[in-house]
Each structure stands twice: as C-alpha cells, then as structure tokens.
N, C-alpha and C. Protein backbone atom coordinates (compact mmCIF):
# COMPACT_ATOMS: atom_id res chain seq x y z
N MET A 1 4.10 -18.41 5.06
CA MET A 1 2.60 -18.64 5.24
C MET A 1 2.46 -19.68 6.55
N ALA A 2 3.78 -20.08 7.08
CA ALA A 2 3.48 -21.19 8.14
C ALA A 2 2.91 -20.68 9.17
N GLY A 3 1.83 -21.32 9.63
CA GLY A 3 1.05 -21.01 10.84
C GLY A 3 -0.16 -20.36 10.49
N ILE A 4 -0.40 -20.00 9.31
CA ILE A 4 -1.52 -19.09 8.63
C ILE A 4 -2.58 -20.06 8.08
N ASP A 5 -3.69 -20.16 8.52
CA ASP A 5 -4.64 -21.23 8.00
C ASP A 5 -5.57 -20.35 7.24
N SER A 6 -6.43 -21.36 6.52
CA SER A 6 -7.52 -20.33 5.68
C SER A 6 -8.30 -19.86 6.64
N PHE A 7 -8.78 -18.46 6.17
CA PHE A 7 -9.60 -17.81 6.91
C PHE A 7 -10.89 -17.09 6.12
N GLU A 8 -11.85 -16.80 6.77
CA GLU A 8 -12.79 -16.07 5.75
C GLU A 8 -12.61 -14.65 5.97
N HIS A 9 -12.93 -14.00 4.87
CA HIS A 9 -12.65 -12.49 4.91
C HIS A 9 -13.49 -12.06 3.56
N ARG A 10 -14.18 -10.89 3.69
CA ARG A 10 -14.94 -10.45 2.54
C ARG A 10 -14.38 -9.04 2.44
N SER A 11 -14.05 -8.73 1.05
CA SER A 11 -13.32 -7.49 0.70
C SER A 11 -13.52 -7.38 -0.85
N GLU A 12 -12.86 -6.48 -1.39
CA GLU A 12 -13.11 -6.02 -2.81
C GLU A 12 -12.01 -7.31 -3.52
N GLN A 13 -12.70 -7.96 -4.61
CA GLN A 13 -11.57 -9.01 -5.30
C GLN A 13 -11.29 -8.62 -6.54
N TYR A 14 -10.05 -8.60 -6.83
CA TYR A 14 -9.54 -8.31 -8.00
C TYR A 14 -9.36 -9.46 -9.12
N TYR A 15 -9.63 -9.17 -10.22
CA TYR A 15 -9.31 -10.31 -11.32
C TYR A 15 -8.23 -9.83 -12.21
N MET A 16 -7.24 -10.45 -12.01
CA MET A 16 -5.94 -10.06 -12.81
C MET A 16 -5.18 -11.27 -13.45
N HIS A 17 -4.30 -10.76 -14.43
CA HIS A 17 -3.30 -11.93 -15.07
C HIS A 17 -2.06 -11.67 -14.00
N VAL A 18 -1.36 -12.91 -13.96
CA VAL A 18 -0.32 -13.03 -12.88
C VAL A 18 0.78 -13.58 -13.57
N ASP A 19 2.07 -12.88 -13.43
CA ASP A 19 3.26 -13.20 -13.95
C ASP A 19 3.71 -14.78 -13.46
N PRO A 20 3.96 -15.54 -14.37
CA PRO A 20 4.22 -16.98 -14.03
C PRO A 20 5.37 -16.97 -13.17
N ALA A 21 6.24 -15.75 -13.03
CA ALA A 21 7.26 -15.94 -12.11
C ALA A 21 7.04 -15.82 -10.66
N ILE A 22 5.84 -15.39 -10.21
CA ILE A 22 5.27 -15.24 -9.24
C ILE A 22 5.00 -16.42 -8.24
N GLU A 23 5.63 -16.45 -7.25
CA GLU A 23 5.38 -17.46 -6.23
C GLU A 23 3.91 -17.08 -5.52
N VAL A 24 2.82 -17.86 -5.80
CA VAL A 24 1.43 -17.49 -5.11
C VAL A 24 1.43 -18.03 -3.57
N LEU A 25 1.22 -17.12 -2.76
CA LEU A 25 1.12 -17.46 -1.41
C LEU A 25 -0.34 -17.56 -0.85
N ALA A 26 -1.14 -16.74 -1.42
CA ALA A 26 -2.63 -17.02 -0.89
C ALA A 26 -3.47 -16.94 -2.13
N THR A 27 -4.71 -17.47 -1.93
CA THR A 27 -5.69 -17.36 -3.20
C THR A 27 -7.10 -17.03 -2.37
N THR A 28 -7.94 -16.65 -3.27
CA THR A 28 -9.49 -16.45 -2.98
C THR A 28 -10.28 -17.09 -4.03
N THR A 29 -11.25 -17.60 -3.56
CA THR A 29 -12.21 -18.02 -4.65
C THR A 29 -13.60 -16.87 -4.83
N PHE A 30 -13.81 -16.65 -6.04
CA PHE A 30 -14.73 -15.73 -6.39
C PHE A 30 -16.19 -16.38 -6.13
N ASN A 31 -17.20 -15.41 -6.06
CA ASN A 31 -18.47 -15.96 -6.08
C ASN A 31 -19.04 -15.29 -6.88
N ALA A 32 -20.26 -15.61 -7.26
CA ALA A 32 -21.16 -15.02 -8.30
C ALA A 32 -21.70 -13.77 -8.02
N GLY A 33 -21.68 -13.34 -6.63
CA GLY A 33 -22.36 -11.98 -6.28
C GLY A 33 -21.88 -10.89 -6.80
N HIS A 34 -20.67 -10.69 -7.61
CA HIS A 34 -20.11 -9.56 -8.20
C HIS A 34 -20.58 -9.97 -9.70
N ALA A 35 -20.29 -11.02 -10.16
CA ALA A 35 -20.33 -11.32 -11.64
C ALA A 35 -20.39 -12.75 -11.79
N PRO A 36 -21.47 -13.35 -12.59
CA PRO A 36 -21.72 -14.78 -12.29
C PRO A 36 -20.85 -15.51 -13.38
N TRP A 37 -19.97 -14.85 -14.27
CA TRP A 37 -19.02 -15.64 -14.97
C TRP A 37 -17.63 -15.95 -14.26
N VAL A 38 -17.47 -15.12 -12.86
CA VAL A 38 -16.28 -15.59 -12.21
C VAL A 38 -16.59 -16.67 -11.18
N ASP A 39 -17.75 -16.94 -10.86
CA ASP A 39 -18.18 -18.03 -9.72
C ASP A 39 -17.32 -19.03 -9.83
N GLY A 40 -16.54 -19.28 -8.72
CA GLY A 40 -15.85 -20.32 -8.58
C GLY A 40 -14.38 -20.20 -8.91
N VAL A 41 -14.02 -19.24 -9.57
CA VAL A 41 -12.52 -19.08 -10.04
C VAL A 41 -11.71 -18.70 -8.82
N VAL A 42 -10.33 -19.41 -8.94
CA VAL A 42 -9.62 -19.17 -7.86
C VAL A 42 -8.56 -18.21 -8.35
N MET A 43 -8.36 -17.22 -7.66
CA MET A 43 -7.39 -16.18 -7.90
C MET A 43 -6.31 -15.73 -6.89
N PRO A 44 -5.04 -15.44 -7.24
CA PRO A 44 -4.27 -15.24 -6.27
C PRO A 44 -4.43 -14.01 -5.58
N VAL A 45 -4.18 -13.80 -4.33
CA VAL A 45 -4.45 -12.45 -3.62
C VAL A 45 -3.06 -12.00 -3.01
N CYS A 46 -2.11 -12.80 -2.97
CA CYS A 46 -0.77 -12.52 -2.27
C CYS A 46 0.26 -13.31 -2.94
N GLY A 47 1.29 -12.70 -3.26
CA GLY A 47 2.63 -13.37 -3.81
C GLY A 47 3.97 -12.47 -3.75
N LYS A 48 4.88 -13.31 -4.23
CA LYS A 48 6.16 -12.59 -4.07
C LYS A 48 6.88 -13.03 -5.30
N LYS A 49 8.12 -12.40 -5.58
CA LYS A 49 9.00 -12.87 -6.74
C LYS A 49 10.37 -11.89 -6.42
N ARG A 50 11.44 -12.37 -7.03
CA ARG A 50 12.66 -11.57 -7.04
C ARG A 50 12.71 -10.87 -8.24
N PHE A 51 13.33 -9.64 -8.31
CA PHE A 51 13.20 -8.96 -9.37
C PHE A 51 14.80 -8.27 -9.49
N GLY A 52 15.61 -8.87 -10.06
CA GLY A 52 17.31 -8.70 -10.14
C GLY A 52 17.49 -8.83 -8.70
N GLN A 53 18.19 -7.91 -8.02
CA GLN A 53 18.83 -8.03 -6.84
C GLN A 53 17.68 -7.59 -5.62
N GLY A 54 16.49 -7.23 -6.37
CA GLY A 54 15.21 -6.73 -5.40
C GLY A 54 14.33 -7.93 -5.15
N ARG A 55 13.25 -7.49 -4.25
CA ARG A 55 12.17 -8.43 -4.05
C ARG A 55 10.72 -7.78 -3.89
N VAL A 56 9.95 -8.20 -4.55
CA VAL A 56 8.51 -7.78 -4.73
C VAL A 56 7.71 -8.54 -4.04
N PHE A 57 6.73 -7.97 -3.20
CA PHE A 57 5.54 -8.66 -2.29
C PHE A 57 4.39 -7.75 -2.68
N TYR A 58 3.46 -8.74 -3.22
CA TYR A 58 2.12 -8.12 -3.43
C TYR A 58 0.88 -8.71 -2.56
N SER A 59 0.07 -7.73 -2.22
CA SER A 59 -1.19 -8.18 -1.65
C SER A 59 -2.26 -7.51 -1.96
N SER A 60 -3.48 -8.04 -2.50
CA SER A 60 -4.61 -7.32 -2.90
C SER A 60 -5.54 -7.15 -1.53
N LEU A 61 -5.10 -7.71 -0.26
CA LEU A 61 -5.75 -7.57 0.98
C LEU A 61 -5.22 -6.27 1.53
N GLY A 62 -6.25 -5.59 2.32
CA GLY A 62 -5.87 -4.75 3.22
C GLY A 62 -6.24 -3.30 2.48
N HIS A 63 -7.59 -3.07 2.09
CA HIS A 63 -7.95 -2.06 1.29
C HIS A 63 -8.34 -0.87 2.25
N ARG A 64 -8.63 -1.38 3.44
CA ARG A 64 -8.89 -0.27 4.46
C ARG A 64 -8.32 -0.88 5.65
N ALA A 65 -8.06 0.37 6.45
CA ALA A 65 -7.00 -0.04 7.61
C ALA A 65 -7.82 -1.14 8.65
N TYR A 66 -9.09 -0.94 8.92
CA TYR A 66 -9.71 -2.12 9.50
C TYR A 66 -9.34 -3.78 9.44
N GLU A 67 -8.99 -4.04 7.97
CA GLU A 67 -8.50 -5.15 7.73
C GLU A 67 -7.31 -5.68 8.66
N LEU A 68 -6.46 -4.86 8.70
CA LEU A 68 -5.22 -5.27 9.45
C LEU A 68 -5.49 -5.71 10.96
N ASP A 69 -6.80 -5.51 11.17
CA ASP A 69 -7.13 -6.13 12.60
C ASP A 69 -7.42 -7.52 12.54
N VAL A 70 -7.54 -8.03 11.20
CA VAL A 70 -7.57 -9.72 11.10
C VAL A 70 -6.25 -10.13 11.23
N PRO A 71 -5.98 -10.93 12.42
CA PRO A 71 -4.84 -11.48 12.77
C PRO A 71 -3.94 -12.05 11.50
N GLU A 72 -4.61 -12.77 10.60
CA GLU A 72 -4.28 -13.41 9.34
C GLU A 72 -3.40 -12.44 8.42
N ILE A 73 -4.31 -11.50 8.15
CA ILE A 73 -4.06 -10.40 7.26
C ILE A 73 -2.88 -9.57 7.97
N ARG A 74 -2.77 -9.21 9.17
CA ARG A 74 -1.63 -8.45 9.57
C ARG A 74 -0.55 -9.43 9.74
N THR A 75 -0.57 -10.54 9.95
CA THR A 75 0.71 -11.46 9.90
C THR A 75 1.17 -11.50 8.52
N LEU A 76 0.31 -11.65 7.41
CA LEU A 76 0.79 -11.81 5.88
C LEU A 76 1.34 -10.60 5.53
N MET A 77 0.91 -9.47 5.94
CA MET A 77 1.27 -8.11 5.48
C MET A 77 2.84 -7.65 5.99
N THR A 78 2.95 -8.13 7.35
CA THR A 78 4.10 -7.95 8.10
C THR A 78 5.09 -8.86 7.56
N ARG A 79 4.88 -10.13 7.66
CA ARG A 79 6.06 -10.91 6.99
C ARG A 79 6.42 -10.53 5.55
N GLY A 80 5.44 -10.26 4.51
CA GLY A 80 5.66 -9.86 3.36
C GLY A 80 6.38 -8.64 3.25
N MET A 81 6.24 -7.63 3.92
CA MET A 81 7.08 -6.35 3.93
C MET A 81 8.39 -6.70 4.63
N LEU A 82 8.39 -7.39 5.50
CA LEU A 82 9.76 -7.75 6.14
C LEU A 82 10.63 -8.38 5.16
N TRP A 83 10.05 -9.49 4.26
CA TRP A 83 10.77 -10.35 3.09
C TRP A 83 11.18 -9.25 2.40
N ALA A 84 10.32 -8.39 1.82
CA ALA A 84 10.81 -7.66 0.58
C ALA A 84 11.94 -6.50 1.03
N ALA A 85 11.82 -6.27 2.57
CA ALA A 85 12.72 -5.08 2.94
C ALA A 85 14.31 -5.67 3.10
N ARG A 86 14.28 -6.93 3.17
CA ARG A 86 15.70 -7.58 3.08
C ARG A 86 16.84 -7.14 2.15
C-alpha cells in the first residue's frame, strides 16, 4: 500500500464477512444510496493472507475493465497479484 493514498471511486460495494486471518489492505465506507442500514459502515475491499505454503490476494475492486484505468486500482491489483504469485 506504500504510496497509494485514499482515492474516490464509485463501484459496486460488497457487504461480507471477513476471515480474521486476513490482513486488510483497503476499505470503503458505505453510503445510504444502496441501503440505509449500511450507511457509514466501513468494509474491507482488499486483503491478503497466507494459506499453507500459498498466498491469497482478494480485491472487490475492478468489476469492469475501465476501473483498471484508475492508477490506484491498477497499482493495487498489480502488486497484489505479484505478491500472490511468489
């Protein structure tokens, strides 16, 4: 996450349970536009963990190809995939 500051992005938001073993790398703050009961909820959108000898990287960002035109998302996805591929 070094060098990636907070940024504005509008995309589909997932509400999910999170494995406590995940190191959360990025979060989003929900708004009431979708459902009033989630207004203000802070939810992870990106994380990583080790699984045995393997590595798992997850991001709910990047639903559509144009989202990779956002430099922060492209950097996050590239770094995450490279980390997981080691």
